[in-house]
Amino acid sequence: MPTPNSAPPDAAPPRADGRPLARLVSLRWYSITAMVALAFGAAPALNIDIPAVPILLVASALGAWNALARFVFLARDEPGPWSLLLELIVDLAAWSGVLYLTGGATNPLISLFLPLIAVGAAVLPAVQTWLLAALSISVYSWLWVHHRPLGLADPTRAIDWHLAGMWGTFAVSALVITWYVSRMTATVRARDLALAQARERRLRNERIVAMANLAAGAAHEMGTPLGTMRLILDNLQAQCCDDPETREDLNIMGQQIGHCRHILSRLTASGGQARVEAGGALDIARWLDDLVMTIESQRPDASINWADTDHLAGLRMVADQSVTQALHNLINNAITADPSRQATLTAERQGSRVSIHIADSGPGIPSDVLNALHEAPNRPSQTKDGLGIGLLLSLSAIEAFGGTLHYAPRDGGGTISTVTLPLLST
């Protein structure tokens, strides 16, 4: 059952609704600015007589259409390919009008058709892209014959102005294509990464479900042997009541059988215990105290260095039995890895989260395995003496409550496992 702050494991990545159209809208404002600058600046800066009023009318119409696209079209669902094609055709028509008024195909600004085609190739399917390219070629050919000539004050400098315009158009085209295509490829990479992560989570949860079914079946089958062991143990305790050492060993065996039966009861529960709500949130200090006592009672040979500190007083968190079992597994792994069967447990508050550190003095995790754990935590490889199954289950339980699990080498040898969980806001 997912927590309020967790997403379903197979949830689709967030949709980028309207992002191609949003980029087109942003890019169009630069086109409008260029048209206005051309209308007002061509005569005083370049000494070229052009019809400023018609160009301003074209820029105004394009600006009105862009405002409509910004406040109406972007508020709808993600636009389809034909809608995006229409937007690019509007840009093509606006620039065709400006070019018709300023020399047609002889105007070096005619090369601005290329960025439009490049943008279309980045956002449109093949059919719409070819249609846009064919339309651009047709308009280019039409402007070769039909246009109004530029009014140059000095016709002898026409070639100089043309070459300068070609350079400027090339620079603008290169910048536009680089900016737009790089943004699009970054979006595609982010989407592919989100899809890959969703796929990894789904595969991981499928493995967890399979292991849960296996655990439930094993729990059902182990109930009878444990019951038989309990009967035999009771008979042995009745026969060996005079030997204190044997009686103590039998009492420890009885405690361990009780722990096993308690674990089996949890495994056979449907979906685990109910999650703790705000009214029954866990007190972190008390929760860790109980966990340490449970582990030490299950492993008499183990020693856990843990002291409840004042800075944990009053801190609470929301968790269920799966998180408790995850921390139990991590502490148990640390004890097993340490030759002296010791582990050190510390906890500290870090803003709105609590970090729980579990340190051991074992051989540590090899660097290649440690890097693999950080790069692909959903696919843990063999670590320490285990096969990674405990780590997989622990990681899933911790992440389900918005937490993280991190491994780091310990100074002097060993490993530090850090579990970070969100605190319950008060």
Protein backbone atom coordinates (compact mmCIF):
# COMPACT_ATOMS: atom_id res chain seq x y z
CA MET A 1 0.00 0.00 0.00
CA PRO A 2 1.69 3.24 -1.05
CA THR A 3 2.21 6.04 1.37
CA PRO A 4 0.90 9.54 0.71
CA ASN A 5 4.34 10.76 -0.26
CA SER A 6 5.20 7.93 -2.62
CA ALA A 7 4.24 7.26 -6.20
CA PRO A 8 3.11 3.90 -7.55
CA PRO A 9 6.15 1.91 -8.65
CA ASP A 10 5.01 1.61 -12.24
CA ALA A 11 3.75 5.16 -12.57
CA ALA A 12 4.51 6.86 -15.84
CA PRO A 13 6.94 9.75 -15.82
CA PRO A 14 5.45 13.23 -15.69
CA ARG A 15 4.14 14.43 -19.00
CA ALA A 16 5.66 17.53 -20.51
CA ASP A 17 2.30 18.89 -21.75
CA GLY A 18 2.65 21.64 -24.28
CA ARG A 19 6.43 21.95 -24.02
CA PRO A 20 7.13 21.95 -27.79
CA LEU A 21 4.43 24.57 -28.24
CA ALA A 22 5.79 26.56 -25.29
CA ARG A 23 9.20 26.66 -26.95
CA LEU A 24 7.65 27.75 -30.24
CA VAL A 25 5.80 30.54 -28.43
CA SER A 26 9.01 31.70 -26.75
CA LEU A 27 10.95 31.55 -30.00
CA ARG A 28 8.25 33.49 -31.86
CA TRP A 29 8.68 36.52 -29.60
CA TYR A 30 12.23 36.82 -30.95
CA SER A 31 10.84 36.75 -34.49
CA ILE A 32 8.40 39.53 -33.64
CA THR A 33 11.19 41.57 -32.08
CA ALA A 34 13.32 41.10 -35.21
CA MET A 35 10.45 42.27 -37.44
CA VAL A 36 9.89 45.40 -35.36
CA ALA A 37 13.62 46.13 -35.34
CA LEU A 38 13.70 45.70 -39.12
CA ALA A 39 10.76 48.09 -39.59
CA PHE A 40 12.23 50.84 -37.43
CA GLY A 41 15.97 50.31 -37.93
CA ALA A 42 16.44 49.50 -41.61
CA ALA A 43 16.17 53.09 -42.83
CA PRO A 44 18.33 54.90 -40.24
CA ALA A 45 20.91 52.13 -39.71
CA LEU A 46 21.25 50.62 -43.19
CA ASN A 47 19.91 53.45 -45.38
CA ILE A 48 17.39 51.07 -46.94
CA ASP A 49 13.87 52.19 -47.77
CA ILE A 50 11.38 49.50 -46.77
CA PRO A 51 7.60 49.64 -46.10
CA ALA A 52 7.66 49.87 -42.31
CA VAL A 53 3.89 50.04 -41.75
CA PRO A 54 3.04 46.73 -43.53
CA ILE A 55 5.89 44.99 -41.68
CA LEU A 56 4.56 46.31 -38.36
CA LEU A 57 1.10 45.02 -39.28
CA VAL A 58 2.56 41.56 -39.94
CA ALA A 59 4.44 41.69 -36.61
CA SER A 60 1.27 42.79 -34.80
CA ALA A 61 -0.76 39.96 -36.31
CA LEU A 62 1.92 37.44 -35.37
CA GLY A 63 2.04 38.87 -31.85
CA ALA A 64 -1.75 38.53 -31.50
CA TRP A 65 -1.57 34.93 -32.66
CA ASN A 66 1.28 34.24 -30.22
CA ALA A 67 -0.72 35.69 -27.33
CA LEU A 68 -3.61 33.44 -28.30
CA ALA A 69 -1.30 30.43 -28.38
CA ARG A 70 0.19 31.42 -25.00
CA PHE A 71 -3.03 31.91 -23.06
CA VAL A 72 -5.46 29.57 -24.88
CA PHE A 73 -3.68 26.75 -26.66
CA LEU A 74 -1.14 26.09 -23.91
CA ALA A 75 -3.97 25.72 -21.37
CA ARG A 76 -5.26 22.67 -23.25
CA ASP A 77 -3.84 19.18 -23.52
CA GLU A 78 -0.57 18.44 -25.28
CA PRO A 79 -0.90 19.62 -28.91
CA GLY A 80 -0.86 17.08 -31.70
CA PRO A 81 1.45 17.09 -34.72
CA TRP A 82 -1.06 18.93 -36.93
CA SER A 83 -1.42 21.69 -34.34
CA LEU A 84 2.35 22.11 -34.17
CA LEU A 85 2.51 22.12 -37.98
CA LEU A 86 -0.07 24.90 -38.03
CA GLU A 87 2.06 26.96 -35.64
CA LEU A 88 5.11 26.59 -37.88
CA ILE A 89 3.06 27.46 -40.97
CA VAL A 90 1.96 30.67 -39.22
CA ASP A 91 5.64 31.56 -38.68
CA LEU A 92 6.42 30.68 -42.29
CA ALA A 93 3.54 32.85 -43.56
CA ALA A 94 4.61 35.81 -41.39
CA TRP A 95 8.20 35.72 -42.60
CA SER A 96 7.02 35.19 -46.18
CA GLY A 97 5.04 38.43 -45.90
CA VAL A 98 8.05 40.31 -44.54
CA LEU A 99 10.33 38.88 -47.24
CA TYR A 100 7.81 39.74 -49.96
CA LEU A 101 8.00 43.38 -48.82
CA THR A 102 11.82 43.39 -48.59
CA GLY A 103 13.24 41.84 -51.75
CA GLY A 104 11.96 38.26 -51.66
CA ALA A 105 14.59 35.63 -52.45
CA THR A 106 17.25 38.34 -52.86
CA ASN A 107 16.94 39.17 -49.16
CA PRO A 108 19.47 37.11 -47.15
CA LEU A 109 16.81 36.73 -44.42
CA ILE A 110 15.28 34.08 -46.69
CA SER A 111 17.63 31.61 -44.98
CA LEU A 112 15.54 31.96 -41.82
CA PHE A 113 13.30 29.31 -43.39
CA LEU A 114 15.98 26.75 -42.45
CA PRO A 115 15.58 27.14 -38.65
CA LEU A 116 11.82 26.68 -39.10
CA ILE A 117 12.43 23.42 -40.96
CA ALA A 118 14.96 22.29 -38.32
CA VAL A 119 12.50 23.02 -35.52
CA GLY A 120 9.80 21.12 -37.41
CA ALA A 121 12.11 18.12 -37.84
CA ALA A 122 12.71 18.14 -34.07
CA VAL A 123 9.05 18.20 -33.00
CA LEU A 124 7.02 16.76 -35.89
CA PRO A 125 6.59 13.25 -37.27
CA ALA A 126 8.00 12.48 -40.70
CA VAL A 127 4.82 13.25 -42.68
CA GLN A 128 4.33 16.72 -41.22
CA THR A 129 8.06 17.47 -41.47
CA TRP A 130 8.11 16.70 -45.21
CA LEU A 131 4.99 18.80 -45.72
CA LEU A 132 6.65 21.74 -43.98
CA ALA A 133 9.81 21.31 -46.05
CA ALA A 134 7.83 21.13 -49.31
CA LEU A 135 5.82 24.22 -48.37
CA SER A 136 9.00 26.15 -47.49
CA ILE A 137 10.58 25.26 -50.84
CA SER A 138 7.41 26.32 -52.65
CA VAL A 139 7.31 29.67 -50.85
CA TYR A 140 11.01 30.21 -51.52
CA SER A 141 10.43 29.54 -55.23
CA TRP A 142 7.42 31.88 -55.30
CA LEU A 143 9.39 34.68 -53.65
CA TRP A 144 12.06 34.29 -56.30
CA VAL A 145 9.63 35.81 -58.80
CA HIS A 146 7.06 37.69 -56.71
CA HIS A 147 8.42 40.35 -54.36
CA ARG A 148 8.91 44.05 -53.91
CA PRO A 149 12.46 45.21 -54.54
CA LEU A 150 14.54 46.76 -51.80
CA GLY A 151 14.98 50.49 -51.96
CA LEU A 152 18.76 50.81 -51.67
CA ALA A 153 20.09 54.36 -51.49
CA ASP A 154 23.41 53.19 -52.95
CA PRO A 155 22.86 50.24 -55.33
CA THR A 156 26.62 49.81 -55.76
CA ARG A 157 26.81 48.51 -52.19
CA ALA A 158 24.11 45.89 -52.70
CA ILE A 159 26.57 43.01 -52.71
CA ASP A 160 28.18 44.23 -49.47
CA TRP A 161 24.84 44.43 -47.72
CA HIS A 162 23.87 41.03 -49.10
CA LEU A 163 27.03 39.37 -47.82
CA ALA A 164 26.62 41.04 -44.42
CA GLY A 165 23.01 39.90 -44.30
CA MET A 166 24.05 36.35 -45.16
CA TRP A 167 26.53 36.35 -42.28
CA GLY A 168 23.92 37.70 -39.84
CA THR A 169 21.31 35.22 -41.01
CA PHE A 170 23.75 32.35 -40.67
CA ALA A 171 24.67 33.41 -37.12
CA VAL A 172 21.02 33.73 -36.08
CA SER A 173 20.12 30.39 -37.70
CA ALA A 174 23.02 28.62 -35.97
CA LEU A 175 22.04 30.04 -32.57
CA VAL A 176 18.35 29.19 -32.97
CA ILE A 177 18.97 25.66 -34.18
CA THR A 178 21.54 24.96 -31.46
CA TRP A 179 19.32 26.35 -28.69
CA TYR A 180 16.12 24.63 -29.77
CA VAL A 181 17.54 21.24 -30.73
CA SER A 182 19.70 21.05 -27.59
CA ARG A 183 16.67 21.78 -25.41
CA MET A 184 14.66 19.13 -27.24
CA THR A 185 17.36 16.49 -26.90
CA ALA A 186 17.71 17.29 -23.19
CA THR A 187 13.97 16.74 -22.78
CA VAL A 188 14.17 13.45 -24.64
CA ARG A 189 17.05 12.28 -22.43
CA ALA A 190 15.13 13.22 -19.28
CA ARG A 191 12.06 11.35 -20.53
CA ASP A 192 14.11 8.26 -21.39
CA LEU A 193 15.74 8.35 -17.95
CA ALA A 194 12.35 8.62 -16.23
CA LEU A 195 11.03 5.70 -18.27
CA ALA A 196 14.08 3.61 -17.43
CA GLN A 197 13.71 4.35 -13.72
CA ALA A 198 10.00 3.47 -13.83
CA ARG A 199 10.86 0.23 -15.60
CA GLU A 200 13.49 -0.59 -12.97
CA ARG A 201 11.04 0.06 -10.14
CA ARG A 202 8.45 -2.13 -11.78
CA LEU A 203 10.88 -5.02 -12.26
CA ARG A 204 12.10 -4.64 -8.69
CA ASN A 205 8.59 -4.73 -7.30
CA GLU A 206 7.77 -7.79 -9.38
CA ARG A 207 10.73 -9.53 -7.78
CA ILE A 208 9.56 -8.42 -4.35
CA VAL A 209 6.05 -9.77 -4.95
CA ALA A 210 7.52 -13.09 -6.08
CA MET A 211 9.69 -13.27 -2.96
CA ALA A 212 6.71 -12.33 -0.78
CA ASN A 213 4.69 -15.21 -2.21
CA LEU A 214 7.63 -17.54 -1.65
CA ALA A 215 8.00 -16.30 1.93
CA ALA A 216 4.29 -16.83 2.64
CA GLY A 217 4.49 -20.40 1.36
CA ALA A 218 7.64 -21.09 3.37
CA ALA A 219 6.03 -19.62 6.49
CA HIS A 220 3.04 -21.93 6.08
CA GLU A 221 5.25 -25.00 5.70
CA MET A 222 7.57 -24.09 8.61
CA GLY A 223 4.76 -23.80 11.11
CA THR A 224 4.53 -27.56 11.71
CA PRO A 225 8.29 -28.15 12.30
CA LEU A 226 8.40 -25.27 14.76
CA GLY A 227 5.45 -26.68 16.63
CA THR A 228 7.19 -30.05 16.83
CA MET A 229 10.38 -28.40 18.08
CA ARG A 230 8.36 -26.59 20.75
CA LEU A 231 6.92 -29.91 22.03
CA ILE A 232 10.33 -31.57 22.12
CA LEU A 233 11.81 -28.58 23.89
CA ASP A 234 9.10 -28.68 26.56
CA ASN A 235 9.89 -32.36 27.19
CA LEU A 236 13.61 -31.65 27.44
CA GLN A 237 13.00 -28.82 29.90
CA ALA A 238 10.95 -31.16 32.09
CA GLN A 239 13.72 -33.82 32.03
CA CYS A 240 16.73 -31.51 32.54
CA CYS A 241 15.41 -29.23 35.24
CA ASP A 242 18.32 -30.10 37.59
CA ASP A 243 21.12 -28.82 35.33
CA PRO A 244 21.22 -24.97 35.42
CA GLU A 245 23.48 -24.67 32.37
CA THR A 246 21.32 -26.94 30.24
CA ARG A 247 18.17 -25.22 31.49
CA GLU A 248 19.60 -21.84 30.44
CA ASP A 249 20.44 -23.15 26.98
CA LEU A 250 16.95 -24.60 26.60
CA ASN A 251 15.42 -21.29 27.66
CA ILE A 252 17.43 -19.52 24.95
CA MET A 253 16.24 -22.09 22.41
CA GLY A 254 12.68 -21.48 23.52
CA GLN A 255 13.09 -17.74 23.05
CA GLN A 256 14.48 -18.26 19.56
CA ILE A 257 11.60 -20.54 18.61
CA GLY A 258 9.21 -17.88 19.88
CA HIS A 259 10.93 -15.27 17.74
CA CYS A 260 10.67 -17.57 14.72
CA ARG A 261 6.96 -18.09 15.25
CA HIS A 262 6.45 -14.35 15.66
CA ILE A 263 8.30 -13.73 12.38
CA LEU A 264 6.18 -16.33 10.62
CA SER A 265 3.04 -14.63 11.91
CA ARG A 266 4.17 -11.39 10.28
CA LEU A 267 5.00 -13.13 7.02
CA THR A 268 1.56 -14.72 6.75
CA ALA A 269 -0.25 -11.45 7.49
CA SER A 270 -2.05 -10.14 4.42
CA GLY A 271 -0.09 -7.12 3.25
CA GLY A 272 1.65 -6.64 6.58
CA GLN A 273 0.56 -4.55 9.52
CA ALA A 274 -1.48 -1.43 8.98
CA ARG A 275 0.56 1.65 8.44
CA VAL A 276 0.93 4.00 11.33
CA GLU A 277 -1.08 7.18 10.97
CA ALA A 278 -0.38 10.52 12.57
CA GLY A 279 -2.22 9.66 15.76
CA GLY A 280 0.00 6.60 16.34
CA ALA A 281 3.27 7.86 14.93
CA LEU A 282 6.48 6.25 16.11
CA ASP A 283 8.69 7.92 18.65
CA ILE A 284 12.12 7.48 17.06
CA ALA A 285 14.12 7.05 20.26
CA ARG A 286 11.70 4.47 21.66
CA TRP A 287 11.47 2.73 18.28
CA LEU A 288 15.24 2.34 18.07
CA ASP A 289 15.44 1.19 21.71
CA ASP A 290 12.90 -1.57 21.06
CA LEU A 291 14.68 -2.57 17.86
CA VAL A 292 18.06 -2.88 19.63
CA MET A 293 16.51 -4.93 22.45
CA THR A 294 14.85 -7.26 19.93
CA ILE A 295 18.06 -7.89 18.00
CA GLU A 296 20.14 -8.46 21.13
CA SER A 297 17.59 -10.94 22.43
CA GLN A 298 17.66 -12.81 19.13
CA ARG A 299 21.46 -12.78 18.95
CA PRO A 300 22.98 -13.24 22.42
CA ASP A 301 26.46 -13.17 20.88
CA ALA A 302 25.94 -9.67 19.46
CA SER A 303 26.58 -6.27 20.97
CA ILE A 304 25.09 -3.02 19.71
CA ASN A 305 26.59 0.27 20.83
CA TRP A 306 23.58 2.53 21.12
CA ALA A 307 22.71 5.34 23.49
CA ASP A 308 19.47 7.28 23.38
CA THR A 309 20.47 10.94 23.12
CA ASP A 310 18.51 14.01 24.09
CA HIS A 311 18.41 15.46 20.56
CA LEU A 312 16.04 12.67 19.51
CA ALA A 313 13.48 13.50 22.19
CA GLY A 314 10.09 14.30 20.73
CA LEU A 315 11.01 13.33 17.16
CA ARG A 316 8.41 11.19 15.44
CA MET A 317 8.03 9.51 12.08
CA VAL A 318 5.48 7.49 10.15
CA ALA A 319 6.51 3.94 9.30
CA ASP A 320 5.21 0.40 9.26
CA GLN A 321 6.62 -3.03 10.02
CA SER A 322 8.45 -3.16 6.68
CA VAL A 323 10.68 -0.22 7.66
CA THR A 324 11.39 -1.82 11.03
CA GLN A 325 12.32 -5.05 9.30
CA ALA A 326 14.53 -3.14 6.84
CA LEU A 327 16.52 -1.54 9.67
CA HIS A 328 16.59 -4.90 11.44
CA ASN A 329 18.19 -6.47 8.35
CA LEU A 330 20.81 -3.72 8.05
CA ILE A 331 21.84 -3.97 11.71
CA ASN A 332 21.91 -7.74 11.48
CA ASN A 333 24.13 -7.55 8.38
CA ALA A 334 26.52 -5.21 10.20
CA ILE A 335 26.79 -7.59 13.16
CA THR A 336 27.42 -10.54 10.86
CA ALA A 337 30.13 -8.67 8.94
CA ASP A 338 31.96 -7.61 12.12
CA PRO A 339 34.30 -10.35 13.44
CA SER A 340 33.63 -9.22 17.02
CA ARG A 341 29.87 -9.30 16.38
CA GLN A 342 29.47 -5.63 17.23
CA ALA A 343 27.75 -2.72 15.54
CA THR A 344 27.41 0.97 16.35
CA LEU A 345 24.05 2.69 15.93
CA THR A 346 23.71 6.48 15.94
CA ALA A 347 20.94 8.84 14.87
CA GLU A 348 20.79 12.57 14.24
CA ARG A 349 18.31 15.08 12.98
CA GLN A 350 19.03 16.85 9.71
CA GLY A 351 16.37 19.43 9.04
CA SER A 352 13.08 17.69 8.35
CA ARG A 353 14.70 14.24 8.22
CA VAL A 354 16.43 11.84 10.56
CA SER A 355 19.62 10.02 9.59
CA ILE A 356 20.34 6.64 11.18
CA HIS A 357 23.93 5.43 10.86
CA ILE A 358 24.88 1.75 11.26
CA ALA A 359 28.65 1.16 11.43
CA ASP A 360 30.62 -2.07 11.56
CA SER A 361 34.32 -3.01 11.62
CA GLY A 362 34.11 -5.76 9.03
CA PRO A 363 36.05 -6.18 5.79
CA GLY A 364 33.92 -3.54 4.08
CA ILE A 365 32.27 -3.53 0.68
CA PRO A 366 34.61 -3.65 -2.33
CA SER A 367 34.80 -0.36 -4.20
CA ASP A 368 33.39 -1.81 -7.43
CA VAL A 369 30.39 -3.25 -5.59
CA LEU A 370 29.94 0.02 -3.70
CA ASN A 371 29.92 1.99 -6.95
CA ALA A 372 27.42 -0.45 -8.45
CA LEU A 373 25.12 0.01 -5.46
CA HIS A 374 25.14 3.79 -5.89
CA GLU A 375 24.78 3.72 -9.68
CA ALA A 376 22.06 1.03 -9.85
CA PRO A 377 20.46 0.68 -6.38
CA ASN A 378 17.48 -1.15 -7.86
CA ARG A 379 19.71 -4.04 -8.86
CA PRO A 380 21.94 -4.85 -5.88
CA SER A 381 24.64 -7.40 -6.53
CA GLN A 382 26.10 -9.79 -4.02
CA THR A 383 27.31 -7.89 -0.98
CA LYS A 384 29.12 -9.08 2.10
CA ASP A 385 27.88 -12.59 2.87
CA GLY A 386 24.47 -12.16 1.32
CA LEU A 387 22.96 -12.37 -2.12
CA GLY A 388 21.47 -8.89 -2.15
CA ILE A 389 17.88 -9.99 -1.48
CA GLY A 390 17.83 -8.42 1.98
CA LEU A 391 19.21 -5.19 0.56
CA LEU A 392 16.59 -5.20 -2.19
CA LEU A 393 13.75 -5.60 0.30
CA SER A 394 15.22 -3.03 2.67
CA LEU A 395 15.71 -0.50 -0.11
CA SER A 396 12.14 -0.95 -1.34
CA ALA A 397 10.66 -0.50 2.14
CA ILE A 398 12.75 2.60 2.89
CA GLU A 399 12.00 4.25 -0.46
CA ALA A 400 8.28 3.57 -0.04
CA PHE A 401 8.31 6.05 2.85
CA GLY A 402 10.37 8.67 1.05
CA GLY A 403 13.69 7.58 2.55
CA THR A 404 17.11 6.80 1.16
CA LEU A 405 19.79 4.16 1.81
CA HIS A 406 23.47 4.95 1.32
CA TYR A 407 26.63 2.93 1.91
CA ALA A 408 30.05 4.45 2.61
CA PRO A 409 33.42 3.06 3.76
CA ARG A 410 34.23 3.52 7.44
CA ASP A 411 37.49 5.05 8.59
CA GLY A 412 39.65 2.24 9.94
CA GLY A 413 37.79 -0.44 7.99
CA GLY A 414 34.22 -1.52 7.71
CA THR A 415 31.08 0.03 6.32
CA ILE A 416 28.61 2.72 7.38
CA SER A 417 25.02 2.24 6.25
CA THR A 418 22.98 5.46 6.44
CA VAL A 419 19.19 5.37 6.40
CA THR A 420 17.48 8.75 5.98
CA LEU A 421 13.74 9.00 6.70
CA PRO A 422 11.37 11.98 6.77
CA LEU A 423 10.21 13.24 10.12
CA LEU A 424 6.56 13.78 10.96
CA SER A 425 5.87 17.50 10.94
CA THR A 426 4.46 18.87 14.17
